[in-house]
Protein backbone atom coordinates (compact mmCIF):
# COMPACT_ATOMS: atom_id res chain seq x y z
CA MET A 1 0.29 -0.11 -0.02
CA THR A 2 1.38 3.19 -0.98
CA ILE A 3 2.01 6.33 1.42
CA ASN A 4 -1.10 7.95 -0.39
CA GLU A 5 -3.51 4.91 0.30
CA ARG A 6 -2.36 4.77 3.59
CA ILE A 7 -3.34 8.01 4.01
CA ALA A 8 -6.90 8.50 1.97
CA GLU A 9 -7.77 5.59 4.12
CA GLY A 10 -7.26 7.60 7.17
CA ALA A 11 -3.67 6.87 8.56
CA ARG A 12 -2.32 9.85 10.32
CA HIS A 13 1.31 9.31 11.36
CA ILE A 14 3.30 6.95 8.75
CA VAL A 15 6.49 5.94 9.40
CA LEU A 16 8.59 4.74 6.09
CA SER A 17 10.22 0.84 6.52
CA GLN A 18 12.28 1.49 3.45
CA ASP A 19 13.34 3.92 1.06
CA THR A 20 10.29 4.66 -1.72
CA ASP A 21 9.89 6.42 -5.17
CA GLU A 22 6.99 8.24 -4.68
CA GLN A 23 4.76 11.37 -4.68
CA VAL A 24 3.55 12.09 -1.00
CA THR A 25 0.15 15.04 -1.32
CA VAL A 26 -1.23 15.76 1.98
CA PRO A 27 -4.70 16.88 1.39
CA ALA A 28 -5.98 20.12 2.53
CA GLY A 29 -8.06 19.55 6.26
CA VAL A 30 -5.62 16.38 6.60
CA THR A 31 -3.33 16.52 9.77
CA LEU A 32 0.02 13.97 8.94
CA THR A 33 2.85 13.26 11.04
CA LEU A 34 5.79 11.35 8.40
CA ASP A 35 8.46 9.84 9.91
CA LEU A 36 11.47 8.87 7.60
CA ALA A 37 12.69 6.62 10.34
CA GLY A 38 16.30 6.55 8.56
CA PHE A 39 14.88 6.20 5.23
CA ALA A 40 14.66 7.65 1.48
CA LEU A 41 11.84 9.38 0.00
CA ARG A 42 12.37 10.09 -3.59
CA GLY A 43 9.49 10.74 -5.17
CA ASP A 44 8.09 9.76 -8.45
CA GLY A 45 10.19 12.02 -11.08
CA THR A 46 7.22 14.07 -12.39
CA GLU A 47 6.12 16.15 -9.48
CA HIS A 48 7.33 17.58 -6.13
CA THR A 49 8.56 14.90 -3.93
CA VAL A 50 5.76 16.16 -0.92
CA LEU A 51 3.16 18.57 -1.64
CA ASN A 52 1.00 19.93 1.55
CA ASN A 53 -2.43 21.22 1.86
CA GLY A 54 -2.76 20.47 5.51
CA ILE A 55 -0.77 20.20 8.05
CA LEU A 56 2.28 18.59 8.19
CA ARG A 57 4.87 16.96 10.45
CA ILE A 58 8.11 15.34 9.01
CA ILE A 59 10.56 13.64 11.39
CA ASP A 60 13.62 11.44 11.18
CA SER A 61 13.39 9.04 14.32
CA SER A 62 16.63 7.35 13.67
CA SER A 63 19.53 7.29 15.40
CA ASP A 64 21.94 8.38 13.01
CA LEU A 65 19.37 10.58 11.33
CA THR A 66 19.91 9.71 7.93
CA GLY A 67 16.51 10.09 6.65
CA THR A 68 16.32 12.45 3.12
CA ILE A 69 14.06 13.75 0.75
CA TYR A 70 15.28 14.30 -2.27
CA GLY A 71 14.27 16.90 -5.12
CA ASN A 72 15.04 16.05 -8.44
CA VAL A 73 13.03 16.90 -11.01
CA LYS A 74 13.22 20.37 -12.53
CA ASN A 75 11.35 23.12 -11.09
CA LYS A 76 10.10 21.14 -8.60
CA ALA A 77 10.76 21.05 -4.96
CA CYS A 78 11.36 18.46 -2.26
CA ILE A 79 9.10 19.59 -0.30
CA PHE A 80 5.97 22.53 -1.41
CA ASN A 81 4.37 23.92 1.23
CA ASN A 82 0.84 25.53 -0.61
CA PHE A 83 -1.83 28.00 0.27
CA GLY A 84 -2.90 27.25 4.12
CA GLY A 85 -0.60 24.56 4.64
CA GLN A 86 1.24 24.18 7.61
CA LEU A 87 4.91 22.47 8.11
CA LEU A 88 6.95 21.18 10.52
CA ILE A 89 10.44 19.54 9.54
CA LYS A 90 12.29 18.41 12.30
CA ASN A 91 16.17 16.30 12.31
CA ALA A 92 15.37 15.90 8.36
CA THR A 93 17.99 16.00 5.34
CA LEU A 94 16.52 17.39 2.33
CA THR A 95 19.13 17.53 -1.21
CA ARG A 96 18.11 18.34 -4.68
CA GLY A 97 21.23 17.46 -6.53
CA ASP A 98 22.09 19.42 -9.92
CA VAL A 99 18.39 20.86 -10.21
CA SER A 100 18.03 23.64 -10.08
CA TYR A 101 15.06 24.37 -7.57
CA TYR A 102 14.53 25.12 -4.00
CA CYS A 103 14.72 22.27 -2.27
CA LEU A 104 11.78 23.40 0.21
CA LEU A 105 9.24 26.51 -1.23
CA ASN A 106 6.73 28.25 1.18
CA TRP A 107 3.37 29.53 -0.10
CA GLY A 108 1.76 28.39 3.00
CA ALA A 109 0.66 30.06 6.37
CA LEU A 110 3.73 28.92 8.00
CA VAL A 111 6.66 26.34 8.09
CA THR A 112 8.86 25.49 11.01
CA ILE A 113 12.19 24.51 10.73
CA ASP A 114 14.39 22.64 13.86
CA HIS A 115 17.39 21.05 13.21
CA VAL A 116 17.38 20.47 9.03
CA LYS A 117 20.36 20.03 7.00
CA ILE A 118 19.75 20.83 3.22
CA VAL A 119 22.92 20.19 0.75
CA ALA A 120 22.33 21.51 -2.57
CA SER A 121 23.78 22.51 -6.10
CA GLY A 122 22.42 24.23 -8.85
CA ASN A 123 21.58 27.72 -9.42
CA ALA A 124 18.70 28.19 -6.81
CA ALA A 125 18.41 28.93 -3.05
CA ALA A 126 17.96 25.57 -1.02
CA ILE A 127 14.65 27.81 0.88
CA SER A 128 12.40 30.01 -0.80
CA ASN A 129 9.60 31.60 1.29
CA GLY A 130 7.47 33.97 -0.36
CA PHE A 131 6.79 34.83 -3.40
CA TYR A 132 8.98 35.22 -6.61
CA SER A 133 5.98 36.74 -8.59
CA PRO A 134 3.05 37.94 -6.43
CA SER A 135 1.15 39.19 -9.65
CA LYS A 136 0.74 36.40 -10.92
CA ASP A 137 1.34 33.93 -8.14
CA ASN A 138 -0.20 35.46 -4.83
CA PRO A 139 -3.14 37.61 -6.18
CA ASN A 140 -4.71 37.30 -2.86
CA LYS A 141 -1.47 39.19 -1.19
CA ALA A 142 -1.22 36.75 1.57
CA PHE A 143 2.08 36.71 3.82
CA VAL A 144 3.80 33.89 4.45
CA LYS A 145 5.81 33.06 7.59
CA MET A 146 8.66 30.91 8.34
CA VAL A 147 10.52 30.01 11.44
CA ILE A 148 14.48 28.60 11.30
CA ARG A 149 15.67 27.47 14.24
CA GLY A 150 18.11 25.22 13.54
CA ALA A 151 19.08 24.49 9.73
CA ASP A 152 22.61 23.46 8.47
CA ILE A 153 22.70 24.54 5.01
CA SER A 154 25.20 24.70 2.38
CA THR A 155 25.20 25.97 -1.48
CA SER A 156 27.63 25.63 -4.15
CA GLY A 157 25.91 26.17 -6.83
CA SER A 158 26.37 29.15 -9.11
CA PRO A 159 24.49 31.80 -7.92
CA SER A 160 23.02 29.56 -5.33
CA ALA A 161 21.85 31.58 -1.55
CA CYS A 162 20.82 29.08 1.58
CA VAL A 163 17.46 31.00 1.84
CA LYS A 164 15.54 33.51 0.98
CA ASN A 165 12.78 35.10 1.80
CA ASP A 166 10.92 36.48 -0.86
CA GLU A 167 7.82 39.18 -1.63
CA TYR A 168 5.20 38.34 1.37
CA GLY A 169 7.62 36.01 3.20
CA ILE A 170 8.05 37.06 6.68
CA MET A 171 10.79 35.42 8.38
CA ALA A 172 12.39 35.30 11.58
CA ILE A 173 16.04 33.07 12.28
CA SER A 174 17.42 31.84 15.40
CA GLY A 175 19.87 29.40 15.34
CA GLY A 176 22.13 27.47 12.18
CA LYS A 177 24.71 27.18 9.71
CA PHE A 178 24.12 28.92 6.60
CA VAL A 179 27.33 29.00 4.15
CA SER A 180 26.65 29.35 0.32
CA GLN A 181 30.11 28.96 -1.39
CA THR A 182 29.47 31.65 -4.58
CA GLN A 183 26.24 33.84 -3.27
CA TYR A 184 24.59 35.43 -0.25
CA ALA A 185 23.56 33.22 2.24
CA VAL A 186 20.90 35.03 3.38
CA ASN A 187 18.30 36.86 0.98
CA SER A 188 15.57 39.21 1.87
CA TRP A 189 12.82 40.78 0.19
CA ASN A 190 10.07 41.37 2.55
CA GLU A 191 10.72 41.08 6.49
CA LEU A 192 13.88 39.24 8.08
CA SER A 193 14.75 39.24 12.07
CA ILE A 194 17.56 37.03 13.05
CA THR A 195 18.58 36.30 16.73
CA GLY A 196 21.01 33.72 16.01
CA GLY A 197 23.12 31.33 13.74
CA HIS A 198 26.11 31.13 11.59
CA PHE A 199 25.72 33.45 8.43
CA GLU A 200 28.34 32.97 5.38
CA SER A 201 29.42 33.61 2.02
CA VAL A 202 32.49 32.27 0.50
CA ALA A 203 32.61 34.97 -2.33
CA ALA A 204 30.37 37.57 -1.56
CA LYS A 205 28.38 39.23 1.48
CA PRO A 206 26.15 37.04 3.61
CA LEU A 207 23.11 39.32 3.52
CA VAL A 208 21.07 41.17 0.60
CA CYS A 209 18.22 43.16 1.05
CA GLY A 210 15.76 44.73 -0.72
CA SER A 211 12.41 45.23 -2.11
CA THR A 212 10.20 45.66 -5.51
CA PRO A 213 7.64 48.36 -5.42
CA GLY A 214 4.10 46.94 -5.16
CA ASP A 215 5.70 43.62 -4.72
CA GLY A 216 4.17 43.25 -1.38
CA GLY A 217 7.77 43.91 -0.45
CA LYS A 218 9.09 46.09 2.76
CA CYS A 219 12.97 45.74 2.89
CA VAL A 220 12.57 45.04 7.01
CA LEU A 221 16.38 43.77 8.46
CA LYS A 222 16.27 43.52 12.65
CA ILE A 223 19.71 41.47 13.47
CA MET A 224 19.75 41.40 17.45
CA GLY A 225 22.29 38.20 17.54
CA GLY A 226 24.25 35.92 15.27
CA GLU A 227 27.59 35.65 13.74
CA PHE A 228 28.14 36.91 10.18
CA ARG A 229 31.15 36.73 7.55
CA GLY A 230 32.16 37.70 4.40
CA ALA A 231 34.28 38.64 1.47
CA THR A 232 32.83 41.47 0.00
CA GLY A 233 31.00 43.11 2.79
CA ILE A 234 28.19 42.44 5.38
CA ILE A 235 25.14 43.69 3.65
CA ASP A 236 24.31 44.33 0.08
CA ASP A 237 21.65 46.94 0.22
CA CYS A 238 19.74 46.81 -2.61
CA SER A 239 17.20 49.52 -2.07
CA GLU A 240 19.88 51.69 -2.78
CA LYS A 241 18.95 50.52 -6.56
CA GLN A 242 14.93 52.17 -6.38
CA THR A 243 14.09 54.97 -8.09
CA ASP A 244 10.27 54.87 -8.04
CA PRO A 245 8.24 57.29 -5.77
CA ALA A 246 6.40 54.35 -4.75
CA TYR A 247 9.00 52.39 -2.74
CA THR A 248 8.90 51.85 0.43
CA ALA A 249 12.40 53.27 2.33
CA PRO A 250 13.91 50.85 4.71
CA VAL A 251 14.23 49.63 8.31
CA TRP A 252 17.54 48.60 9.37
CA SER A 253 18.18 47.49 12.88
CA ILE A 254 21.45 46.33 13.64
CA ALA A 255 21.80 45.98 17.66
CA ALA A 256 23.65 42.81 17.97
CA GLY A 257 26.18 40.05 16.64
CA LYS A 258 29.55 39.35 15.70
CA TYR A 259 30.76 40.54 12.50
CA ASN A 260 33.84 39.57 10.61
CA MET A 261 34.27 43.14 8.68
CA PRO A 262 32.59 46.51 10.16
CA VAL A 263 29.16 47.07 8.69
CA GLU A 264 28.06 50.22 7.40
CA ASP A 265 26.43 52.72 9.83
CA LYS A 266 23.12 52.89 8.33
CA PHE A 267 22.27 49.44 9.18
CA ILE A 268 23.44 50.04 12.75
CA ASP A 269 20.59 50.74 15.65
CA GLY A 270 20.65 54.74 16.40
CA MET A 271 22.68 54.20 20.14
CA MET A 272 25.23 51.51 18.52
CA SER A 273 28.25 51.88 17.43
CA MET A 274 31.23 49.06 15.47
CA GLU A 275 33.47 48.31 17.93
CA ARG A 276 36.81 46.14 16.69
CA GLN A 277 37.45 43.54 19.45
CA PRO A 278 40.73 41.75 20.77
CA ASP A 279 40.35 38.71 18.28
CA GLY A 280 40.31 40.96 15.45
CA SER A 281 35.87 40.83 14.66
CA TYR A 282 33.62 43.51 15.10
CA ALA A 283 30.96 43.76 17.45
CA VAL A 284 28.33 46.09 18.15
CA VAL A 285 27.93 48.18 21.17
CA ILE A 286 26.26 51.11 22.96
CA LYS A 287 28.26 54.34 21.44
CA PRO A 288 29.75 55.34 25.04
CA LYS A 289 28.58 59.21 24.53
CA ASP A 290 24.99 57.85 24.33
CA ARG A 291 25.19 55.25 27.49
CA TRP A 292 24.32 58.69 29.97
CA GLU A 293 21.91 59.80 27.40
CA ALA A 294 20.01 56.08 27.32
CA ILE A 295 19.98 56.62 31.17
CA ARG A 296 18.96 59.92 31.44
CA THR A 297 15.76 59.70 28.95
CA PRO A 298 13.45 57.70 31.37
CA ALA A 299 10.31 57.76 29.05
CA ARG A 300 11.80 55.93 26.82
CA PHE A 301 13.92 54.03 28.90
CA ALA A 302 12.53 53.14 31.50
CA GLY A 303 13.02 49.53 32.42
CA PHE A 304 15.85 49.85 29.46
CA LEU A 305 17.51 47.30 31.54
CA CYS A 306 15.97 43.35 31.47
CA GLY A 307 17.43 40.03 31.51
CA VAL A 308 19.45 37.43 33.45
CA TYR A 309 22.22 39.55 36.21
CA LYS A 310 25.36 37.60 36.45
CA LYS A 311 28.89 38.59 37.17
CA ASP A 312 27.91 42.22 37.49
CA LYS A 313 26.38 42.10 34.54
CA VAL A 314 22.65 42.24 32.82
CA ALA A 315 21.23 42.07 29.34
CA TYR A 316 20.41 45.05 27.84
CA ILE A 317 17.21 45.03 25.87
CA PRO A 318 17.70 46.15 22.33
CA GLY A 319 20.19 43.29 21.13
CA GLY A 320 20.13 41.54 25.07
CA ILE A 321 24.10 42.88 24.70
CA GLU A 322 25.82 42.59 28.07
CA LEU A 323 26.43 45.83 30.11
CA ASN A 324 28.46 46.27 32.92
CA ILE A 325 27.02 47.66 35.77
CA ARG A 326 29.91 49.99 36.88
CA ASP A 327 28.45 51.95 33.45
CA LEU A 328 25.25 52.89 35.61
CA ARG A 329 27.12 54.47 38.84
CA PRO A 330 25.92 58.63 37.59
CA VAL A 331 22.67 56.78 38.31
CA ALA A 332 21.60 58.77 41.51
CA LEU A 333 17.83 56.88 41.80
CA LEU A 334 16.61 53.48 40.28
CA ASN A 335 14.18 50.84 40.70
CA VAL A 336 15.71 47.55 40.72
CA SER A 337 13.56 44.38 41.08
CA ALA A 338 13.62 40.58 39.57
CA GLU A 339 12.14 37.37 39.74
CA GLY A 340 10.86 36.01 43.21
CA GLY A 341 10.16 39.18 45.19
CA ILE A 342 13.80 40.54 44.75
CA THR A 343 14.66 44.26 45.22
CA GLY A 344 18.24 46.13 45.14
CA TYR A 345 19.96 48.98 44.63
CA LEU A 346 23.43 50.43 43.07
CA ASN A 347 25.97 50.84 45.56
CA ASP A 348 29.32 52.41 43.91
CA GLY A 349 28.49 50.63 40.74
CA LYS A 350 27.88 47.16 42.47
CA LEU A 351 24.50 46.06 42.17
CA GLN A 352 22.81 44.62 45.00
CA LEU A 353 19.96 42.28 45.79
CA PHE A 354 17.93 41.55 48.96
CA LYS A 355 14.87 38.95 49.53
CA GLY A 356 13.13 39.11 52.74
CA GLY A 357 16.32 40.82 54.18
CA ALA A 358 18.48 38.73 53.33
CA GLU A 359 21.19 39.76 50.25
CA VAL A 360 21.01 37.14 47.27
CA SER A 361 24.49 36.44 45.29
CA GLY A 362 24.75 34.52 42.15
CA GLU A 363 22.06 34.37 39.21
CA VAL A 364 18.70 35.95 38.80
CA LYS A 365 16.23 36.15 36.54
CA ASN A 366 14.05 38.61 34.61
CA LEU A 367 15.93 41.33 36.39
CA THR A 368 14.60 44.81 35.95
CA ILE A 369 16.54 47.79 36.36
CA ALA A 370 13.96 51.35 35.86
CA VAL A 371 14.95 54.66 35.24
CA LEU A 372 13.68 56.83 38.32
CA GLY A 373 15.74 59.88 38.00
CA ILE A 374 19.29 61.25 38.50
């Protein structure tokens, strides 16, 4: 019995028991878990290997995580998440060989990628979220979302990005390794936020951002963590090439991260600047001349410090940067609190915390320091 026949008969958790040459379609309204169990799903040579119209969870339960979905048809993907579809893919491998098309294409409501490996040659991005031709393919102007929690993606085609966030795409990346031998690691034409991960281009820049007037692109880039390595720079700004009066100005906000070369000031959050580190890398830090201004602006920065306190440092909200508590010595009045009924104050630049009259040492969570006055 084929996988599609089992789905039609009501199976909702299917475990592969051998390598399989079959095109799999998940109908709308169906919720399915497909466990690769270490085997290969290769398609039938005519369509997308997996077409999802419903809610699909793809996993690999094998101990060596060798479960793989192959794409071997021109203009067809390993996985196509169609309109309305929701997809979670975890601990699986996607590969397309020399076929010049995406391994994963999302036009659906949501895709979540959790520790997925993709190896791709051919001249197309490994992952695409959104619409290359939205006027033709997205008449309802639907936005599509993708969350990448962890991935290991390498591309070697010319040109071949690891990830493309296309028109009407909203993407959040919190971890993974993205290395392109020939082009950008991430190519974004709408909204992209990065809080972690390794992004590298061996021959170019790791990031490019832009948008097309009238096609749902807004060119929003927010970086709050991650490591970025480029050969010719860090970010390629395609908004510089736009002359259409309908074009929406880009929104840049880099508040954290580690870089192998400096980033242009226009991309960096207004309170931040690039500083060269002892290891030769560059980091985003609070501008020394702005530290006191941040503290002296209670309306904007009340509660501006919030996070985990440890070793005289606390996380700074726009980017999670660690700020030395001693930098706050000029402040005369602060309201300090933390999880579990903990309160505190500054004493000559040292933060002292108390609970029930007894001093607290070590790490505390959800620490908040609100500026009340100077």
